[in-house]
Amino acid sequence: MFSGFGGYDLFRERHGELLREAELWRLGREARWSLSWGEAVRVRWGMEEDVGRVAGLLELDGAPRWVAFEERFIVAEREGELVGVLVYRTEPKRMRLGLLVADPWVGEERVAIALYRGAAELARELGVREVLARGRARHLVRSGYRPVLGGWWFDPFADLRRAEGRTGRMRALWGSLAAHFFRTFRR
């Protein structure tokens, strides 16, 4: 049809147009997503007074109410309303994440990503060395978890080990509540 590089130039031009169009679609989708979401989700440890609301959310999802009284939860709130819970268990130097329940009217993906990222931050506060999870791959991948045999893995202190030098480690510890100083001042 075309001889020489004329066809290739047309292909490159069309390919560039398609990439620009796809980027505009992606930016528009992200803008709509952020506008529709409103206030950010706040992730925190579940407390005893949350048990009634957690039981209601579990019942809404089809899980039995008694699970709320037997397990420990990480909860996600938006504008004072409970939008998701994540079951967790702690072991020495390890946190295991289990059942994820999200309010179906809020959107599971947004809540799941916020909960998994928040669980990693809470694990850092607790001083846990690794977080193991089971769940949907797309939520865990977008939250920064890596696949391992039998589940997904996250290292809460990976950014501290990547920081170079004494001042780099100190800057990385700035936002951490449970700071491990035994490696910070090594020469």
N, C-alpha and C. Protein backbone atom coordinates (compact mmCIF):
# COMPACT_ATOMS: atom_id res chain seq x y z
N MET A 1 0.83 -1.18 0.00
CA MET A 1 0.00 0.00 0.00
C MET A 1 0.88 1.25 0.00
N PHE A 2 1.79 1.36 0.99
CA PHE A 2 2.72 2.48 1.03
C PHE A 2 4.12 1.94 0.80
N SER A 3 4.91 2.73 0.14
CA SER A 3 6.28 2.29 -0.09
C SER A 3 7.22 3.08 0.82
N GLY A 4 8.28 2.47 1.25
CA GLY A 4 9.28 3.14 2.07
C GLY A 4 8.76 3.41 3.47
N PHE A 5 9.14 4.58 3.99
CA PHE A 5 8.78 4.93 5.36
C PHE A 5 7.53 5.79 5.45
N GLY A 6 6.85 6.04 4.36
CA GLY A 6 5.64 6.85 4.38
C GLY A 6 4.55 6.23 5.24
N GLY A 7 4.38 4.94 5.12
CA GLY A 7 3.38 4.24 5.93
C GLY A 7 3.74 4.25 7.40
N TYR A 8 5.03 4.15 7.68
CA TYR A 8 5.48 4.14 9.07
C TYR A 8 5.22 5.49 9.72
N ASP A 9 5.44 6.58 8.97
CA ASP A 9 5.19 7.91 9.51
C ASP A 9 3.72 8.10 9.82
N LEU A 10 2.83 7.63 8.93
CA LEU A 10 1.40 7.71 9.20
C LEU A 10 1.03 6.88 10.43
N PHE A 11 1.64 5.72 10.55
CA PHE A 11 1.38 4.87 11.71
C PHE A 11 1.81 5.56 13.00
N ARG A 12 3.00 6.15 13.00
CA ARG A 12 3.49 6.83 14.20
C ARG A 12 2.60 7.99 14.57
N GLU A 13 2.13 8.74 13.58
CA GLU A 13 1.27 9.88 13.85
C GLU A 13 -0.06 9.42 14.46
N ARG A 14 -0.66 8.39 13.86
CA ARG A 14 -1.93 7.87 14.38
C ARG A 14 -1.75 7.26 15.77
N HIS A 15 -0.65 6.57 15.96
CA HIS A 15 -0.37 5.96 17.26
C HIS A 15 -0.24 7.05 18.34
N GLY A 16 0.44 8.14 18.02
CA GLY A 16 0.57 9.25 18.95
C GLY A 16 -0.77 9.88 19.29
N GLU A 17 -1.65 10.02 18.28
CA GLU A 17 -2.99 10.56 18.52
C GLU A 17 -3.77 9.65 19.47
N LEU A 18 -3.69 8.35 19.24
CA LEU A 18 -4.40 7.40 20.10
C LEU A 18 -3.88 7.43 21.53
N LEU A 19 -2.57 7.56 21.69
CA LEU A 19 -2.01 7.64 23.03
C LEU A 19 -2.45 8.90 23.75
N ARG A 20 -2.48 10.04 23.04
CA ARG A 20 -2.94 11.28 23.65
C ARG A 20 -4.41 11.19 24.04
N GLU A 21 -5.23 10.58 23.18
CA GLU A 21 -6.65 10.41 23.48
C GLU A 21 -6.84 9.51 24.70
N ALA A 22 -6.09 8.43 24.77
CA ALA A 22 -6.19 7.52 25.92
C ALA A 22 -5.77 8.22 27.21
N GLU A 23 -4.75 9.06 27.14
CA GLU A 23 -4.31 9.80 28.31
C GLU A 23 -5.38 10.79 28.77
N LEU A 24 -6.04 11.46 27.82
CA LEU A 24 -7.13 12.37 28.18
C LEU A 24 -8.29 11.62 28.83
N TRP A 25 -8.62 10.45 28.30
CA TRP A 25 -9.68 9.63 28.91
C TRP A 25 -9.30 9.25 30.33
N ARG A 26 -8.04 8.84 30.53
CA ARG A 26 -7.58 8.44 31.86
C ARG A 26 -7.63 9.61 32.84
N LEU A 27 -7.16 10.79 32.41
CA LEU A 27 -7.21 11.96 33.27
C LEU A 27 -8.64 12.35 33.61
N GLY A 28 -9.53 12.27 32.63
CA GLY A 28 -10.94 12.57 32.89
C GLY A 28 -11.56 11.59 33.87
N ARG A 29 -11.24 10.31 33.73
CA ARG A 29 -11.76 9.30 34.64
C ARG A 29 -11.26 9.54 36.06
N GLU A 30 -9.98 9.88 36.21
CA GLU A 30 -9.43 10.16 37.53
C GLU A 30 -10.06 11.42 38.13
N ALA A 31 -10.32 12.43 37.31
CA ALA A 31 -10.95 13.64 37.81
C ALA A 31 -12.38 13.35 38.28
N ARG A 32 -13.13 12.57 37.49
CA ARG A 32 -14.48 12.20 37.91
C ARG A 32 -14.45 11.38 39.19
N TRP A 33 -13.47 10.48 39.30
CA TRP A 33 -13.35 9.62 40.47
C TRP A 33 -13.09 10.46 41.72
N SER A 34 -12.17 11.43 41.62
CA SER A 34 -11.85 12.24 42.79
C SER A 34 -12.99 13.18 43.16
N LEU A 35 -13.71 13.71 42.17
CA LEU A 35 -14.83 14.58 42.48
C LEU A 35 -15.99 13.82 43.10
N SER A 36 -16.23 12.60 42.64
CA SER A 36 -17.35 11.84 43.17
C SER A 36 -17.05 11.28 44.55
N TRP A 37 -15.78 11.17 44.90
CA TRP A 37 -15.42 10.55 46.16
C TRP A 37 -15.59 11.51 47.33
N GLY A 38 -15.37 12.78 47.14
CA GLY A 38 -15.53 13.74 48.22
C GLY A 38 -14.41 13.63 49.24
N GLU A 39 -14.79 13.55 50.51
CA GLU A 39 -13.82 13.48 51.59
C GLU A 39 -13.05 12.16 51.55
N ALA A 40 -11.82 12.22 51.93
CA ALA A 40 -10.96 11.03 51.91
C ALA A 40 -11.38 10.03 52.99
N VAL A 41 -11.03 8.79 52.77
CA VAL A 41 -11.32 7.73 53.72
C VAL A 41 -10.28 7.75 54.83
N ARG A 42 -10.74 7.64 56.05
CA ARG A 42 -9.85 7.59 57.21
C ARG A 42 -9.79 6.16 57.71
N VAL A 43 -8.61 5.58 57.77
CA VAL A 43 -8.43 4.19 58.20
C VAL A 43 -7.84 4.21 59.60
N ARG A 44 -8.42 3.40 60.50
CA ARG A 44 -7.95 3.35 61.89
C ARG A 44 -8.21 1.96 62.47
N TRP A 45 -7.68 1.73 63.66
CA TRP A 45 -7.94 0.48 64.36
C TRP A 45 -9.40 0.45 64.79
N GLY A 46 -10.02 -0.71 64.75
CA GLY A 46 -11.38 -0.86 65.23
C GLY A 46 -11.41 -0.84 66.75
N MET A 47 -12.43 -0.20 67.32
CA MET A 47 -12.56 -0.11 68.77
C MET A 47 -13.82 -0.85 69.21
N GLU A 48 -13.96 -0.98 70.52
CA GLU A 48 -15.09 -1.72 71.06
C GLU A 48 -16.43 -1.08 70.69
N GLU A 49 -16.47 0.23 70.63
CA GLU A 49 -17.73 0.90 70.30
C GLU A 49 -18.12 0.77 68.83
N ASP A 50 -17.21 0.27 67.99
CA ASP A 50 -17.51 0.05 66.58
C ASP A 50 -18.20 -1.28 66.30
N VAL A 51 -18.30 -2.15 67.29
CA VAL A 51 -18.78 -3.52 67.07
C VAL A 51 -20.18 -3.53 66.49
N GLY A 52 -21.07 -2.68 66.97
CA GLY A 52 -22.44 -2.64 66.45
C GLY A 52 -22.49 -2.24 64.98
N ARG A 53 -21.73 -1.22 64.63
CA ARG A 53 -21.71 -0.78 63.23
C ARG A 53 -21.03 -1.81 62.33
N VAL A 54 -19.97 -2.47 62.84
CA VAL A 54 -19.30 -3.52 62.07
C VAL A 54 -20.26 -4.68 61.84
N ALA A 55 -21.02 -5.05 62.87
CA ALA A 55 -21.98 -6.15 62.74
C ALA A 55 -23.04 -5.80 61.69
N GLY A 56 -23.50 -4.56 61.66
CA GLY A 56 -24.46 -4.14 60.65
C GLY A 56 -23.89 -4.22 59.25
N LEU A 57 -22.65 -3.81 59.09
CA LEU A 57 -22.00 -3.88 57.77
C LEU A 57 -21.78 -5.33 57.34
N LEU A 58 -21.40 -6.19 58.28
CA LEU A 58 -21.23 -7.61 57.97
C LEU A 58 -22.56 -8.24 57.55
N GLU A 59 -23.62 -7.89 58.25
CA GLU A 59 -24.94 -8.42 57.92
C GLU A 59 -25.40 -7.93 56.56
N LEU A 60 -25.09 -6.70 56.24
CA LEU A 60 -25.42 -6.14 54.93
C LEU A 60 -24.71 -6.90 53.81
N ASP A 61 -23.50 -7.38 54.09
CA ASP A 61 -22.73 -8.13 53.10
C ASP A 61 -23.05 -9.61 53.09
N GLY A 62 -23.85 -10.08 54.04
CA GLY A 62 -24.24 -11.49 54.07
C GLY A 62 -23.42 -12.34 55.01
N ALA A 63 -22.51 -11.74 55.76
CA ALA A 63 -21.70 -12.47 56.74
C ALA A 63 -22.44 -12.48 58.07
N PRO A 64 -22.21 -13.48 58.92
CA PRO A 64 -22.90 -13.54 60.21
C PRO A 64 -22.45 -12.42 61.15
N ARG A 65 -23.38 -11.95 61.99
CA ARG A 65 -23.09 -10.85 62.92
C ARG A 65 -22.07 -11.22 63.98
N TRP A 66 -22.03 -12.49 64.38
CA TRP A 66 -21.15 -12.89 65.48
C TRP A 66 -19.68 -12.69 65.14
N VAL A 67 -19.34 -12.61 63.86
CA VAL A 67 -17.94 -12.38 63.47
C VAL A 67 -17.44 -11.05 64.03
N ALA A 68 -18.32 -10.07 64.14
CA ALA A 68 -17.93 -8.76 64.66
C ALA A 68 -17.49 -8.83 66.12
N PHE A 69 -18.02 -9.79 66.86
CA PHE A 69 -17.69 -9.90 68.28
C PHE A 69 -16.48 -10.80 68.52
N GLU A 70 -16.09 -11.60 67.53
CA GLU A 70 -15.01 -12.57 67.69
C GLU A 70 -13.67 -12.09 67.12
N GLU A 71 -13.69 -11.24 66.12
CA GLU A 71 -12.48 -10.85 65.40
C GLU A 71 -12.07 -9.42 65.72
N ARG A 72 -10.84 -9.07 65.33
CA ARG A 72 -10.36 -7.69 65.43
C ARG A 72 -10.39 -7.09 64.03
N PHE A 73 -10.69 -5.79 63.96
CA PHE A 73 -10.91 -5.15 62.67
C PHE A 73 -10.09 -3.88 62.52
N ILE A 74 -9.77 -3.59 61.26
CA ILE A 74 -9.31 -2.27 60.84
C ILE A 74 -10.50 -1.67 60.12
N VAL A 75 -10.90 -0.46 60.49
CA VAL A 75 -12.11 0.12 59.92
C VAL A 75 -11.77 1.33 59.04
N ALA A 76 -12.61 1.56 58.06
CA ALA A 76 -12.49 2.72 57.17
C ALA A 76 -13.74 3.57 57.33
N GLU A 77 -13.55 4.85 57.57
CA GLU A 77 -14.66 5.78 57.75
C GLU A 77 -14.57 6.90 56.73
N ARG A 78 -15.73 7.35 56.30
CA ARG A 78 -15.80 8.53 55.44
C ARG A 78 -16.95 9.38 55.95
N GLU A 79 -16.64 10.60 56.32
CA GLU A 79 -17.62 11.55 56.85
C GLU A 79 -18.36 10.96 58.05
N GLY A 80 -17.63 10.25 58.93
CA GLY A 80 -18.20 9.67 60.13
C GLY A 80 -19.00 8.40 59.93
N GLU A 81 -19.09 7.93 58.71
CA GLU A 81 -19.86 6.73 58.39
C GLU A 81 -18.91 5.58 58.10
N LEU A 82 -19.20 4.41 58.64
CA LEU A 82 -18.37 3.22 58.42
C LEU A 82 -18.60 2.71 57.00
N VAL A 83 -17.52 2.65 56.20
CA VAL A 83 -17.66 2.22 54.80
C VAL A 83 -16.96 0.91 54.51
N GLY A 84 -16.12 0.42 55.42
CA GLY A 84 -15.45 -0.86 55.17
C GLY A 84 -14.70 -1.34 56.39
N VAL A 85 -14.53 -2.66 56.47
CA VAL A 85 -13.77 -3.27 57.56
C VAL A 85 -12.86 -4.35 56.98
N LEU A 86 -11.77 -4.60 57.68
CA LEU A 86 -10.80 -5.61 57.27
C LEU A 86 -10.38 -6.37 58.52
N VAL A 87 -10.57 -7.69 58.50
CA VAL A 87 -10.18 -8.53 59.63
C VAL A 87 -8.66 -8.67 59.66
N TYR A 88 -8.07 -8.60 60.86
CA TYR A 88 -6.63 -8.79 60.96
C TYR A 88 -6.30 -9.62 62.19
N ARG A 89 -5.14 -10.26 62.13
CA ARG A 89 -4.57 -10.99 63.27
C ARG A 89 -3.10 -10.63 63.34
N THR A 90 -2.60 -10.52 64.55
CA THR A 90 -1.18 -10.22 64.71
C THR A 90 -0.46 -11.43 65.28
N GLU A 91 0.74 -11.65 64.79
CA GLU A 91 1.65 -12.67 65.27
C GLU A 91 2.96 -11.95 65.56
N PRO A 92 3.92 -12.63 66.17
CA PRO A 92 5.21 -11.95 66.38
C PRO A 92 5.82 -11.46 65.05
N LYS A 93 6.00 -10.16 64.94
CA LYS A 93 6.60 -9.51 63.77
C LYS A 93 5.82 -9.71 62.48
N ARG A 94 4.54 -10.04 62.56
CA ARG A 94 3.75 -10.31 61.35
C ARG A 94 2.29 -9.93 61.60
N MET A 95 1.65 -9.42 60.56
CA MET A 95 0.21 -9.14 60.60
C MET A 95 -0.43 -9.88 59.43
N ARG A 96 -1.53 -10.57 59.71
CA ARG A 96 -2.27 -11.29 58.67
C ARG A 96 -3.61 -10.59 58.46
N LEU A 97 -3.89 -10.28 57.20
CA LEU A 97 -5.16 -9.64 56.84
C LEU A 97 -6.09 -10.69 56.26
N GLY A 98 -7.36 -10.61 56.62
CA GLY A 98 -8.32 -11.61 56.17
C GLY A 98 -9.49 -11.00 55.42
N LEU A 99 -10.68 -11.26 55.91
CA LEU A 99 -11.93 -10.89 55.26
C LEU A 99 -12.05 -9.38 55.10
N LEU A 100 -12.41 -8.95 53.91
CA LEU A 100 -12.65 -7.54 53.61
C LEU A 100 -14.13 -7.37 53.31
N VAL A 101 -14.77 -6.44 54.00
CA VAL A 101 -16.18 -6.16 53.75
C VAL A 101 -16.31 -4.66 53.51
N ALA A 102 -16.93 -4.30 52.40
CA ALA A 102 -17.12 -2.89 52.05
C ALA A 102 -18.59 -2.61 51.84
N ASP A 103 -18.99 -1.39 52.12
CA ASP A 103 -20.36 -0.96 51.88
C ASP A 103 -20.61 -0.99 50.37
N PRO A 104 -21.61 -1.74 49.91
CA PRO A 104 -21.80 -1.87 48.46
C PRO A 104 -22.19 -0.56 47.77
N TRP A 105 -22.75 0.39 48.49
CA TRP A 105 -23.16 1.65 47.86
C TRP A 105 -22.01 2.64 47.74
N VAL A 106 -20.93 2.39 48.44
CA VAL A 106 -19.78 3.30 48.38
C VAL A 106 -18.83 2.90 47.27
N GLY A 107 -18.66 1.60 47.06
CA GLY A 107 -17.73 1.11 46.04
C GLY A 107 -16.61 0.31 46.68
N GLU A 108 -16.55 -0.96 46.32
CA GLU A 108 -15.59 -1.85 46.97
C GLU A 108 -14.15 -1.52 46.65
N GLU A 109 -13.86 -1.16 45.41
CA GLU A 109 -12.46 -0.98 45.01
C GLU A 109 -11.80 0.17 45.76
N ARG A 110 -12.46 1.29 45.87
CA ARG A 110 -11.87 2.44 46.56
C ARG A 110 -11.64 2.13 48.03
N VAL A 111 -12.64 1.51 48.65
CA VAL A 111 -12.53 1.19 50.07
C VAL A 111 -11.44 0.14 50.29
N ALA A 112 -11.38 -0.86 49.42
CA ALA A 112 -10.38 -1.93 49.58
C ALA A 112 -8.97 -1.37 49.47
N ILE A 113 -8.73 -0.53 48.50
CA ILE A 113 -7.39 0.05 48.34
C ILE A 113 -7.03 0.90 49.55
N ALA A 114 -7.98 1.70 50.03
CA ALA A 114 -7.72 2.52 51.21
C ALA A 114 -7.45 1.65 52.44
N LEU A 115 -8.21 0.56 52.59
CA LEU A 115 -8.00 -0.32 53.75
C LEU A 115 -6.66 -1.03 53.69
N TYR A 116 -6.28 -1.56 52.53
CA TYR A 116 -5.00 -2.27 52.43
C TYR A 116 -3.82 -1.32 52.62
N ARG A 117 -3.90 -0.11 52.08
CA ARG A 117 -2.83 0.86 52.29
C ARG A 117 -2.79 1.31 53.75
N GLY A 118 -3.98 1.53 54.32
CA GLY A 118 -4.05 1.92 55.72
C GLY A 118 -3.55 0.83 56.65
N ALA A 119 -3.82 -0.43 56.32
CA ALA A 119 -3.32 -1.54 57.13
C ALA A 119 -1.80 -1.57 57.13
N ALA A 120 -1.20 -1.25 56.01
CA ALA A 120 0.27 -1.21 55.94
C ALA A 120 0.82 -0.10 56.83
N GLU A 121 0.16 1.05 56.84
CA GLU A 121 0.60 2.15 57.71
C GLU A 121 0.41 1.80 59.18
N LEU A 122 -0.72 1.17 59.52
CA LEU A 122 -0.95 0.77 60.90
C LEU A 122 0.05 -0.30 61.33
N ALA A 123 0.44 -1.17 60.42
CA ALA A 123 1.45 -2.18 60.74
C ALA A 123 2.79 -1.52 61.04
N ARG A 124 3.11 -0.46 60.33
CA ARG A 124 4.35 0.26 60.61
C ARG A 124 4.29 0.89 62.00
N GLU A 125 3.14 1.46 62.37
CA GLU A 125 2.99 2.03 63.71
C GLU A 125 3.19 0.97 64.78
N LEU A 126 2.72 -0.24 64.51
CA LEU A 126 2.80 -1.35 65.46
C LEU A 126 4.21 -1.94 65.52
N GLY A 127 5.03 -1.69 64.52
CA GLY A 127 6.37 -2.23 64.46
C GLY A 127 6.44 -3.60 63.82
N VAL A 128 5.43 -3.97 63.07
CA VAL A 128 5.36 -5.27 62.41
C VAL A 128 6.29 -5.28 61.21
N ARG A 129 7.00 -6.39 60.99
CA ARG A 129 7.98 -6.48 59.91
C ARG A 129 7.38 -6.87 58.57
N GLU A 130 6.27 -7.62 58.56
CA GLU A 130 5.66 -8.02 57.29
C GLU A 130 4.16 -8.14 57.45
N VAL A 131 3.46 -7.87 56.36
CA VAL A 131 2.01 -7.98 56.31
C VAL A 131 1.67 -9.01 55.25
N LEU A 132 0.89 -10.02 55.62
CA LEU A 132 0.45 -11.05 54.69
C LEU A 132 -1.05 -10.90 54.50
N ALA A 133 -1.51 -11.01 53.26
CA ALA A 133 -2.93 -10.80 52.97
C ALA A 133 -3.42 -11.82 51.96
N ARG A 134 -4.71 -12.03 52.00
CA ARG A 134 -5.41 -12.81 50.97
C ARG A 134 -6.57 -11.95 50.52
N GLY A 135 -6.75 -11.88 49.23
CA GLY A 135 -7.82 -11.05 48.70
C GLY A 135 -7.73 -10.97 47.20
N ARG A 136 -8.49 -10.05 46.64
CA ARG A 136 -8.48 -9.86 45.19
C ARG A 136 -7.18 -9.23 44.74
N ALA A 137 -6.64 -9.78 43.69
CA ALA A 137 -5.32 -9.35 43.22
C ALA A 137 -5.30 -7.89 42.83
N ARG A 138 -6.34 -7.40 42.16
CA ARG A 138 -6.27 -6.02 41.66
C ARG A 138 -6.23 -5.01 42.80
N HIS A 139 -6.93 -5.29 43.91
CA HIS A 139 -6.88 -4.38 45.05
C HIS A 139 -5.51 -4.40 45.70
N LEU A 140 -4.96 -5.58 45.86
CA LEU A 140 -3.67 -5.71 46.54
C LEU A 140 -2.52 -5.17 45.71
N VAL A 141 -2.56 -5.38 44.40
CA VAL A 141 -1.51 -4.84 43.53
C VAL A 141 -1.53 -3.32 43.56
N ARG A 142 -2.71 -2.73 43.47
CA ARG A 142 -2.81 -1.27 43.49
C ARG A 142 -2.45 -0.68 44.84
N SER A 143 -2.44 -1.52 45.89
CA SER A 143 -2.07 -1.06 47.22
C SER A 143 -0.60 -1.24 47.53
N GLY A 144 0.15 -1.86 46.61
CA GLY A 144 1.59 -2.01 46.79
C GLY A 144 2.03 -3.36 47.32
N TYR A 145 1.14 -4.33 47.39
CA TYR A 145 1.49 -5.67 47.87
C TYR A 145 2.11 -6.47 46.73
N ARG A 146 2.93 -7.47 47.09
CA ARG A 146 3.59 -8.32 46.10
C ARG A 146 3.11 -9.75 46.27
N PRO A 147 2.98 -10.48 45.16
CA PRO A 147 2.51 -11.87 45.27
C PRO A 147 3.59 -12.79 45.83
N VAL A 148 3.16 -13.66 46.74
CA VAL A 148 4.01 -14.73 47.26
C VAL A 148 3.17 -16.00 47.26
N LEU A 149 3.81 -17.11 47.51
CA LEU A 149 3.10 -18.38 47.52
C LEU A 149 2.04 -18.37 48.62
N GLY A 150 0.79 -18.50 48.24
CA GLY A 150 -0.30 -18.56 49.21
C GLY A 150 -0.91 -17.22 49.57
N GLY A 151 -0.55 -16.14 48.93
CA GLY A 151 -1.15 -14.86 49.27
C GLY A 151 -0.36 -13.68 48.72
N TRP A 152 -0.39 -12.58 49.49
CA TRP A 152 0.26 -11.34 49.10
C TRP A 152 1.06 -10.83 50.28
N TRP A 153 2.18 -10.14 49.99
CA TRP A 153 3.13 -9.72 51.01
C TRP A 153 3.43 -8.24 50.87
N PHE A 154 3.60 -7.58 52.02
CA PHE A 154 3.98 -6.17 52.04
C PHE A 154 4.99 -5.96 53.16
N ASP A 155 6.03 -5.20 52.89
CA ASP A 155 7.04 -4.86 53.88
C ASP A 155 6.86 -3.40 54.27
N PRO A 156 6.35 -3.13 55.48
CA PRO A 156 6.10 -1.74 55.88
C PRO A 156 7.35 -0.89 56.00
N PHE A 157 8.50 -1.51 56.22
CA PHE A 157 9.73 -0.76 56.43
C PHE A 157 10.65 -0.77 55.22
N ALA A 158 10.14 -1.12 54.05
CA ALA A 158 10.97 -1.20 52.85
C ALA A 158 11.56 0.16 52.49
N ASP A 159 10.78 1.23 52.65
CA ASP A 159 11.31 2.56 52.30
C ASP A 159 12.41 2.99 53.26
N LEU A 160 12.40 2.50 54.49
CA LEU A 160 13.48 2.83 55.42
C LEU A 160 14.78 2.17 55.01
N ARG A 161 14.69 0.94 54.51
CA ARG A 161 15.90 0.25 54.08
C ARG A 161 16.45 0.85 52.79
N ARG A 162 15.58 1.44 51.97
CA ARG A 162 16.03 2.05 50.73
C ARG A 162 16.70 3.40 50.96
N ALA A 163 16.38 4.06 52.07
CA ALA A 163 16.95 5.37 52.35
C ALA A 163 18.45 5.24 52.56
N GLU A 164 19.20 6.12 51.95
CA GLU A 164 20.66 6.05 51.99
C GLU A 164 21.20 6.95 53.09
N GLY A 165 22.17 6.45 53.82
CA GLY A 165 22.88 7.25 54.81
C GLY A 165 22.07 7.52 56.06
N ARG A 166 22.73 8.14 57.03
CA ARG A 166 22.08 8.41 58.30
C ARG A 166 20.95 9.43 58.14
N THR A 167 21.20 10.51 57.40
CA THR A 167 20.16 11.53 57.25
C THR A 167 18.98 11.02 56.43
N GLY A 168 19.23 10.16 55.46
CA GLY A 168 18.13 9.59 54.68
C GLY A 168 17.23 8.73 55.54
N ARG A 169 17.83 7.94 56.43
CA ARG A 169 17.02 7.11 57.32
C ARG A 169 16.23 7.97 58.30
N MET A 170 16.85 9.02 58.79
CA MET A 170 16.16 9.90 59.73
C MET A 170 14.98 10.59 59.04
N ARG A 171 15.16 11.02 57.79
CA ARG A 171 14.04 11.62 57.06
C ARG A 171 12.93 10.62 56.81
N ALA A 172 13.28 9.36 56.53
CA ALA A 172 12.28 8.34 56.29
C ALA A 172 11.51 8.00 57.55
N LEU A 173 12.15 8.13 58.72
CA LEU A 173 11.49 7.83 59.99
C LEU A 173 10.60 8.97 60.47
N TRP A 174 10.65 10.11 59.83
CA TRP A 174 9.94 11.30 60.29
C TRP A 174 8.45 11.02 60.51
N GLY A 175 7.79 10.28 59.62
CA GLY A 175 6.36 10.02 59.76
C GLY A 175 6.03 8.76 60.52
N SER A 176 7.00 8.02 60.98
CA SER A 176 6.77 6.74 61.65
C SER A 176 6.67 6.94 63.16
N LEU A 177 5.70 6.26 63.78
CA LEU A 177 5.56 6.35 65.23
C LEU A 177 6.46 5.35 65.95
N ALA A 178 6.59 4.15 65.41
CA ALA A 178 7.43 3.12 66.02
C ALA A 178 8.76 3.09 65.29
N ALA A 179 9.68 3.92 65.73
CA ALA A 179 10.96 4.04 65.04
C ALA A 179 11.95 3.03 65.59
N HIS A 180 12.64 2.35 64.70
CA HIS A 180 13.67 1.40 65.09
C HIS A 180 15.01 2.08 64.89
N PHE A 181 15.63 2.54 65.96
CA PHE A 181 16.85 3.33 65.85
C PHE A 181 18.12 2.50 65.88
N PHE A 182 18.03 1.20 66.05
CA PHE A 182 19.24 0.41 66.13
C PHE A 182 20.01 0.36 64.83
N ARG A 183 19.39 0.63 63.68
CA ARG A 183 20.10 0.62 62.40
C ARG A 183 20.35 2.04 61.89
N THR A 184 19.79 3.02 62.53
CA THR A 184 19.88 4.38 62.02
C THR A 184 21.29 4.95 62.13
N PHE A 185 21.96 4.70 63.23
CA PHE A 185 23.24 5.35 63.49
C PHE A 185 24.42 4.44 63.20
N ARG A 186 24.24 3.45 62.36
CA ARG A 186 25.32 2.55 61.99
C ARG A 186 26.32 3.29 61.11
N ARG A 187 27.61 2.99 61.27
CA ARG A 187 28.64 3.64 60.46
C ARG A 187 29.14 2.73 59.42
